[in-house]
Each structure stands twice: as C-alpha cells, then as structure tokens.
Amino acid sequence: MSSLRYGFRCLRDLRATATQHPPSSASITTASTSSKTRRTFATTTSRQDDAFDRFAQAIEKSPEAAGIQVPHLRPMPVSPSYFSRHARFNDSFVLVQDLARKYGRLPTVPPGLAQQVAWKTKDQYRLSVGEAIKARDYATCIGLVKMLNRIHPDLMPEEVRDGIQPFKRDINIFLNIAKPIPVDKFGRSHGVGRRKSSMARAWLVEGTGEVLINGKTLNEAFARVHDRESALWGLKTMDRMDKYNVWALVEGGGTTGQAEALAMAIAKALAVHEPALKAPLRKAGCLTRDPRKVERKKPGHVKARKMPAWVKR
C-alpha cells in the first residue's frame, strides 16, 4: 500500500495526467480484478489534475487497493544506443559483431570467387543515416561486413543477409553489362573520345591507312608533329598504321585536346575490330579517360593560382 501511495505521489509531482474517463465504481472494480493497469499520459491541465487526484484518492480508500500492482511507467527506448550520438550506426555495428561472433566459423569462399558487392563509402553511409561517423569505426565495421559476405552462399543465414544489407549501395555497379559495339554492314566500327572540352568521333574500316579529320588530311588538321603522333598513338603502338582507314569528326577545345580525344576514339574503334587488343591498348593508356581540365580563375588572382605582385606601399 505504501508503494502504491509513493507511486501516485511521484506521478503527481511529474504533473502527468491519465487520459481515462472519470472514475466510476465499474472502473474501480475492473482495476481491482486486473493484475496490471495501463495508463497513458499527456500534457497537464488543472481540470485533468483534479480528476487524477480524485481517482487516486478513490483507489487509496478502496479495500481492494492492496491488490493493485502499478507497473513501471517510465518509457524505455527501443534501442540501447538511444542516448548515444550514433544510434543507428551503433545498432548496426553491434548486430554485425554479433553475427561475426555467431557465424564466423562457417565455410567461406576465396576472395576472388565471392560475390562482388558495391559497398557504401564512409561519406555515402554518413549521408544515408545522418550521423557523423568516425572513419576508424566505419573501417572496422565494413571489414566485418566483408568477412560475412565471404560466407558460402548456400550456407549464408538469412539474418546475415539482412544484417549486411544497410552497407550495400542501391545499385551494384558490378552487375552492369557493357553494351557491345557492333561492326556495321559496311565494316565500320565507331568510337567516341573526350579530352578537356574536346570531343571526337572516329570510324575505322579496313583499308590502306588513309586518315581524314573533318574532311582534311592529318597534316592539314594538326600542324604540330606532337599532335599528329598523339592522334594515331593507338594504331602506332599496335602496329596497325597501314591496315585501317580512319574517318573522324572533332569539335571543341584546341588542337591538343582534339588530338588526344581522337586517340581515345580510334583506340575504342580498334578494340571493336580486334577485341584481343583491348588489354594492350588499356596498358598503353589509350582507353583511359584523362579527367584533367584547366583550373578556373579565382577572384583576386591573375590566373587560377597566380597572385598579383605584392607591393609594400
């Protein structure tokens, strides 16, 4: 009985109110027969406070009050990491640790034979959960996730699949299939290349080594010797200068950008005719897009980084 009075006193100090109807003999009888009472609390008003006090006094005066058990009314958070800075990440981290501890001894496949998965980077995971996670913690967690991903697919439990799912990207880039570039009915293969702000489109057909760029010969299109060698670098390295004819269209940028864009386009078209040359062309740097561009000018600077000469007076 004293614990019941203490509970009502605490509730009165917190100025919490019950949303139940005013007390009646039927409700008191129902409360006495049940082993637990459920109450929900809302914002306080004076009228509701008086109703709650009358309800408490009626229960205290009833002879059956000794049999009433008041449950723990403090709301408990759903997650044990509720009061931490990174609740969602901590829950996922603890789950991954438990799964690694539970299923760490299952048979695994070699790293090269495991399913290729595009995992989220630290910045992508931060953006998805909205929490500033430390790089060290995320690296430890993603290491456990990759270890769980190596479990044999036939033996991988369903809870492991669900546990590592939040760390996967929405689109798996390893499942993308490259669209094949065919050789048309005229025996031509097409390739597109870009460099800086220049773009080049090249068509290759078996011939005697003739080159036309925007309707001009190679010497007319590029005055510099370096640009001529850059444009035909793929054919020169593979020793195919006299085997194919090239017809190309280039636009944008300067002569250097156009020449390097044309080299990439010719290399792509050559790889269509001879797929076995794709690896050597990539090793020679002909199939790799060069991302470098001219850095923009900044306010107060003469150029991108050059500053005006400092004058003392």
Protein backbone atom coordinates (compact mmCIF):
# COMPACT_ATOMS: atom_id res chain seq x y z
CA MET A 1 0.00 0.00 0.00
CA SER A 2 2.86 2.39 0.80
CA SER A 3 4.44 1.67 -2.58
CA LEU A 4 1.14 2.49 -4.25
CA ARG A 5 0.92 5.85 -2.44
CA TYR A 6 4.55 6.58 -3.34
CA GLY A 7 3.85 5.85 -6.99
CA PHE A 8 0.89 8.22 -7.06
CA ARG A 9 2.93 10.89 -5.31
CA CYS A 10 5.65 10.64 -7.94
CA LEU A 11 3.10 10.82 -10.70
CA ARG A 12 1.53 13.91 -9.11
CA ASP A 13 4.93 15.59 -8.88
CA LEU A 14 5.52 14.95 -12.56
CA ARG A 15 2.11 16.53 -13.26
CA ALA A 16 1.21 13.72 -15.59
CA THR A 17 -2.42 13.02 -16.22
CA ALA A 18 -4.32 9.95 -17.26
CA THR A 19 -6.45 10.04 -20.38
CA GLN A 20 -9.01 7.64 -18.94
CA HIS A 21 -12.63 8.63 -18.21
CA PRO A 22 -13.66 9.97 -14.75
CA PRO A 23 -13.66 7.27 -12.06
CA SER A 24 -16.70 5.14 -11.51
CA SER A 25 -17.49 2.11 -9.42
CA ALA A 26 -17.34 -0.11 -12.50
CA SER A 27 -13.89 1.13 -13.47
CA ILE A 28 -12.59 0.66 -9.91
CA THR A 29 -13.94 -2.88 -9.83
CA THR A 30 -12.29 -3.60 -13.19
CA ALA A 31 -8.98 -2.19 -11.93
CA SER A 32 -9.10 -4.34 -8.85
CA THR A 33 -9.65 -7.54 -10.82
CA SER A 34 -6.86 -6.94 -13.34
CA SER A 35 -3.29 -7.68 -12.38
CA LYS A 36 -1.88 -4.65 -14.25
CA THR A 37 -3.22 -1.21 -15.10
CA ARG A 38 -2.22 0.64 -18.26
CA ARG A 39 -2.21 4.44 -18.33
CA THR A 40 -1.16 6.90 -20.99
CA PHE A 41 -0.02 10.40 -20.11
CA ALA A 42 -0.46 13.69 -21.91
CA THR A 43 0.04 17.42 -21.20
CA THR A 44 -1.41 18.67 -17.92
CA THR A 45 -4.38 20.91 -17.27
CA SER A 46 -5.98 21.90 -13.97
CA ARG A 47 -9.19 20.01 -14.69
CA GLN A 48 -7.33 16.83 -15.56
CA ASP A 49 -5.15 17.19 -12.45
CA ASP A 50 -8.26 17.32 -10.23
CA ALA A 51 -9.71 14.27 -11.94
CA PHE A 52 -6.47 12.38 -11.43
CA ASP A 53 -6.35 13.33 -7.74
CA ARG A 54 -9.92 12.14 -7.22
CA PHE A 55 -9.07 8.91 -8.99
CA ALA A 56 -6.00 8.37 -6.77
CA GLN A 57 -7.95 9.08 -3.59
CA ALA A 58 -10.71 6.69 -4.61
CA ILE A 59 -8.21 3.88 -5.17
CA GLU A 60 -6.45 4.56 -1.86
CA LYS A 61 -9.75 4.39 0.08
CA SER A 62 -10.96 1.20 -1.62
CA PRO A 63 -10.34 -2.05 0.29
CA GLU A 64 -9.08 -3.78 -2.84
CA ALA A 65 -6.25 -1.23 -3.37
CA ALA A 66 -3.71 -3.53 -1.73
CA GLY A 67 -4.04 -6.00 -4.60
CA ILE A 68 -3.35 -3.44 -7.33
CA GLN A 69 0.13 -3.62 -8.93
CA VAL A 70 1.35 -0.40 -10.52
CA PRO A 71 3.70 -1.17 -13.46
CA HIS A 72 6.92 0.68 -14.24
CA LEU A 73 5.67 3.78 -16.04
CA ARG A 74 8.98 5.18 -17.28
CA PRO A 75 9.17 4.97 -21.12
CA MET A 76 12.04 2.78 -22.21
CA PRO A 77 13.87 3.49 -25.50
CA VAL A 78 13.63 0.85 -28.18
CA SER A 79 17.35 0.85 -28.92
CA PRO A 80 20.12 0.52 -26.30
CA SER A 81 22.04 3.15 -28.31
CA TYR A 82 19.22 5.70 -28.00
CA PHE A 83 21.26 8.11 -25.88
CA SER A 84 24.45 7.83 -27.94
CA ARG A 85 25.49 10.14 -30.77
CA HIS A 86 25.30 7.42 -33.43
CA ALA A 87 22.27 5.31 -32.57
CA ARG A 88 21.66 3.76 -35.98
CA PHE A 89 25.32 3.05 -36.68
CA ASN A 90 25.90 1.60 -33.21
CA ASP A 91 22.93 -0.73 -33.60
CA SER A 92 24.21 -1.92 -36.97
CA PHE A 93 27.76 -2.27 -35.62
CA VAL A 94 26.63 -4.34 -32.62
CA LEU A 95 24.50 -6.52 -34.89
CA VAL A 96 27.40 -7.13 -37.28
CA GLN A 97 29.69 -8.01 -34.36
CA ASP A 98 27.15 -10.49 -33.01
CA LEU A 99 26.74 -12.07 -36.44
CA ALA A 100 30.52 -12.33 -36.90
CA ARG A 101 30.83 -13.94 -33.49
CA LYS A 102 27.97 -16.35 -34.19
CA TYR A 103 28.65 -17.33 -37.81
CA GLY A 104 32.38 -16.62 -38.10
CA ARG A 105 33.26 -20.34 -38.34
CA LEU A 106 31.01 -21.12 -41.33
CA PRO A 107 32.79 -22.19 -44.55
CA THR A 108 33.86 -19.29 -46.74
CA VAL A 109 34.77 -18.90 -50.39
CA PRO A 110 38.06 -17.40 -51.65
CA PRO A 111 38.05 -13.61 -52.06
CA GLY A 112 38.23 -13.85 -55.84
CA LEU A 113 35.17 -16.13 -56.01
CA ALA A 114 32.96 -14.19 -53.58
CA GLN A 115 30.05 -12.20 -54.95
CA GLN A 116 31.19 -8.72 -55.95
CA VAL A 117 29.26 -6.10 -54.00
CA ALA A 118 29.43 -2.32 -54.24
CA TRP A 119 29.75 -1.22 -50.60
CA LYS A 120 28.88 2.26 -49.41
CA THR A 121 31.74 4.60 -48.72
CA LYS A 122 32.04 6.43 -45.43
CA ASP A 123 30.53 9.60 -46.88
CA GLN A 124 27.66 7.70 -48.51
CA TYR A 125 26.84 5.89 -45.26
CA ARG A 126 27.01 9.15 -43.32
CA LEU A 127 24.53 10.68 -45.74
CA SER A 128 22.15 7.70 -45.54
CA VAL A 129 21.97 7.55 -41.72
CA GLY A 130 22.52 11.25 -41.00
CA GLU A 131 25.27 10.66 -38.42
CA ALA A 132 28.88 11.88 -38.33
CA ILE A 133 30.63 8.53 -38.05
CA LYS A 134 34.37 8.27 -37.48
CA ALA A 135 36.42 6.76 -40.27
CA ARG A 136 38.13 4.30 -37.93
CA ASP A 137 34.82 2.89 -36.64
CA TYR A 138 33.35 2.57 -40.11
CA ALA A 139 36.50 0.85 -41.41
CA THR A 140 36.28 -1.73 -38.61
CA CYS A 141 32.59 -2.32 -39.28
CA ILE A 142 32.94 -2.66 -43.04
CA GLY A 143 35.78 -5.13 -42.51
CA LEU A 144 33.43 -7.41 -40.54
CA VAL A 145 30.74 -6.94 -43.18
CA LYS A 146 33.12 -8.05 -45.95
CA MET A 147 34.11 -11.08 -43.87
CA LEU A 148 30.44 -12.06 -43.50
CA ASN A 149 29.92 -11.59 -47.24
CA ARG A 150 32.52 -14.29 -47.91
CA ILE A 151 30.36 -16.97 -46.26
CA HIS A 152 29.37 -19.64 -48.78
CA PRO A 153 26.12 -18.54 -50.48
CA ASP A 154 24.43 -21.90 -49.85
CA LEU A 155 25.18 -21.71 -46.11
CA MET A 156 24.65 -17.98 -45.51
CA PRO A 157 21.79 -17.46 -42.98
CA GLU A 158 19.02 -15.02 -43.76
CA GLU A 159 19.83 -12.83 -40.76
CA VAL A 160 23.35 -12.32 -42.14
CA ARG A 161 21.91 -11.12 -45.46
CA ASP A 162 19.65 -8.69 -43.60
CA GLY A 163 22.50 -7.51 -41.35
CA ILE A 164 24.85 -6.54 -44.20
CA GLN A 165 22.13 -5.04 -46.41
CA PRO A 166 22.36 -1.46 -44.94
CA PHE A 167 26.01 -1.28 -46.07
CA LYS A 168 25.28 -2.09 -49.74
CA ARG A 169 24.75 0.54 -52.38
CA ASP A 170 21.36 0.82 -54.01
CA ILE A 171 22.88 -0.01 -57.42
CA ASN A 172 25.52 -2.70 -57.75
CA ILE A 173 27.89 -1.46 -60.42
CA PHE A 174 29.41 -4.94 -60.80
CA LEU A 175 26.14 -6.22 -62.27
CA ASN A 176 26.23 -3.71 -65.12
CA ILE A 177 26.79 -5.28 -68.51
CA ALA A 178 28.69 -3.24 -71.07
CA LYS A 179 26.76 -2.66 -74.27
CA PRO A 180 28.68 -4.26 -77.16
CA ILE A 181 29.61 -2.00 -80.08
CA PRO A 182 28.96 -3.90 -83.30
CA VAL A 183 30.61 -3.59 -86.69
CA ASP A 184 28.02 -2.29 -89.17
CA LYS A 185 27.20 -3.75 -92.58
CA PHE A 186 29.86 -1.55 -94.22
CA GLY A 187 32.60 -2.98 -91.98
CA ARG A 188 32.91 0.21 -89.89
CA SER A 189 33.43 0.40 -86.15
CA HIS A 190 32.59 3.53 -84.18
CA GLY A 191 34.37 5.07 -81.20
CA VAL A 192 33.91 8.24 -79.14
CA GLY A 193 36.66 10.02 -77.18
CA ARG A 194 36.81 13.12 -74.98
CA ARG A 195 39.59 15.28 -73.56
CA LYS A 196 39.15 18.61 -71.75
CA SER A 197 36.33 20.29 -73.70
CA SER A 198 37.02 18.43 -76.96
CA MET A 199 35.03 15.54 -78.37
CA ALA A 200 35.97 13.22 -81.24
CA ARG A 201 34.05 10.56 -83.16
CA ALA A 202 36.01 8.10 -85.27
CA TRP A 203 35.03 5.38 -87.73
CA LEU A 204 37.51 2.62 -88.64
CA VAL A 205 37.34 0.40 -91.69
CA GLU A 206 39.93 -1.94 -93.14
CA GLY A 207 41.98 -0.17 -95.78
CA THR A 208 45.39 1.23 -96.62
CA GLY A 209 45.97 3.73 -93.79
CA GLU A 210 44.21 6.86 -95.07
CA VAL A 211 43.15 9.43 -92.43
CA LEU A 212 40.54 12.18 -92.84
CA ILE A 213 39.72 14.54 -89.98
CA ASN A 214 36.82 16.93 -90.61
CA GLY A 215 37.42 16.39 -94.32
CA LYS A 216 41.11 17.31 -94.03
CA THR A 217 44.25 15.23 -94.09
CA LEU A 218 46.23 14.63 -90.91
CA ASN A 219 48.87 17.27 -91.79
CA GLU A 220 46.21 19.88 -92.51
CA ALA A 221 44.20 19.18 -89.37
CA PHE A 222 47.17 19.21 -86.96
CA ALA A 223 50.13 21.44 -87.68
CA ARG A 224 52.23 20.20 -84.73
CA VAL A 225 54.06 16.90 -85.05
CA HIS A 226 53.26 16.04 -81.44
CA ASP A 227 49.52 16.32 -82.11
CA ARG A 228 49.79 14.06 -85.18
CA GLU A 229 51.56 11.37 -83.16
CA SER A 230 49.05 11.70 -80.32
CA ALA A 231 46.06 11.30 -82.66
CA LEU A 232 47.30 7.99 -84.11
CA TRP A 233 49.02 6.68 -80.98
CA GLY A 234 46.71 3.65 -80.68
CA LEU A 235 47.35 2.50 -84.25
CA LYS A 236 51.09 3.15 -83.94
CA THR A 237 51.58 1.18 -80.72
CA MET A 238 49.61 -1.80 -82.09
CA ASP A 239 51.41 -1.62 -85.47
CA ARG A 240 48.17 -1.12 -87.42
CA MET A 241 49.01 2.09 -89.29
CA ASP A 242 48.60 0.60 -92.79
CA LYS A 243 45.69 -1.74 -92.02
CA TYR A 244 42.77 0.64 -91.31
CA ASN A 245 41.34 3.81 -92.79
CA VAL A 246 40.18 6.49 -90.33
CA TRP A 247 37.37 8.99 -90.85
CA ALA A 248 36.84 11.31 -87.87
CA LEU A 249 34.88 14.36 -86.72
CA VAL A 250 36.36 16.53 -83.93
CA GLU A 251 34.94 19.61 -82.25
CA GLY A 252 35.53 21.85 -79.26
CA GLY A 253 38.72 22.84 -77.47
CA GLY A 254 42.15 23.29 -79.02
CA THR A 255 44.37 21.15 -81.16
CA THR A 256 45.97 19.29 -78.24
CA GLY A 257 42.62 18.35 -76.72
CA GLN A 258 41.24 17.33 -80.09
CA ALA A 259 44.27 15.14 -80.84
CA GLU A 260 44.08 13.30 -77.51
CA ALA A 261 40.31 12.89 -77.82
CA LEU A 262 40.81 11.44 -81.30
CA ALA A 263 43.40 8.99 -79.97
CA MET A 264 40.85 7.63 -77.48
CA ALA A 265 38.14 7.36 -80.15
CA ILE A 266 40.43 5.49 -82.57
CA ALA A 267 41.53 3.10 -79.81
CA LYS A 268 37.92 2.27 -78.92
CA ALA A 269 37.06 1.63 -82.57
CA LEU A 270 40.17 -0.54 -82.96
CA ALA A 271 39.16 -2.63 -79.92
CA VAL A 272 35.84 -3.38 -81.67
CA HIS A 273 37.61 -4.83 -84.71
CA GLU A 274 40.17 -6.72 -82.63
CA PRO A 275 38.96 -7.41 -79.04
CA ALA A 276 42.28 -9.08 -78.20
CA LEU A 277 43.98 -5.67 -78.38
CA LYS A 278 41.84 -4.19 -75.61
CA ALA A 279 44.26 -5.06 -72.80
CA PRO A 280 47.38 -3.76 -74.63
CA LEU A 281 45.54 -0.57 -75.58
CA ARG A 282 44.49 -0.01 -71.99
CA LYS A 283 48.06 -0.62 -70.82
CA ALA A 284 49.27 1.96 -73.35
CA GLY A 285 46.81 4.49 -71.88
CA CYS A 286 44.66 4.82 -74.99
CA LEU A 287 41.37 3.68 -73.42
CA THR A 288 41.63 5.66 -70.19
CA ARG A 289 39.75 8.94 -69.99
CA ASP A 290 42.04 11.75 -68.81
CA PRO A 291 40.00 13.75 -66.25
CA ARG A 292 42.38 16.71 -66.03
CA LYS A 293 40.94 20.06 -67.02
CA VAL A 294 42.02 23.69 -66.89
CA GLU A 295 41.60 25.05 -63.38
CA ARG A 296 39.23 28.00 -63.16
CA LYS A 297 40.37 31.52 -62.42
CA LYS A 298 39.71 32.80 -58.88
CA PRO A 299 38.60 36.28 -57.84
CA GLY A 300 41.57 38.44 -56.88
CA HIS A 301 44.02 36.19 -58.74
CA VAL A 302 45.70 36.89 -62.06
CA LYS A 303 45.05 33.28 -63.15
CA ALA A 304 43.98 30.11 -61.38
CA ARG A 305 46.69 30.41 -58.72
CA LYS A 306 48.91 33.30 -59.71
CA MET A 307 48.58 36.29 -57.39
CA PRO A 308 49.38 39.92 -58.18
CA ALA A 309 52.84 41.09 -57.20
CA TRP A 310 52.88 42.27 -53.58
CA VAL A 311 53.82 45.92 -53.17
CA LYS A 312 54.74 47.24 -49.78
CA ARG A 313 53.50 50.80 -50.43
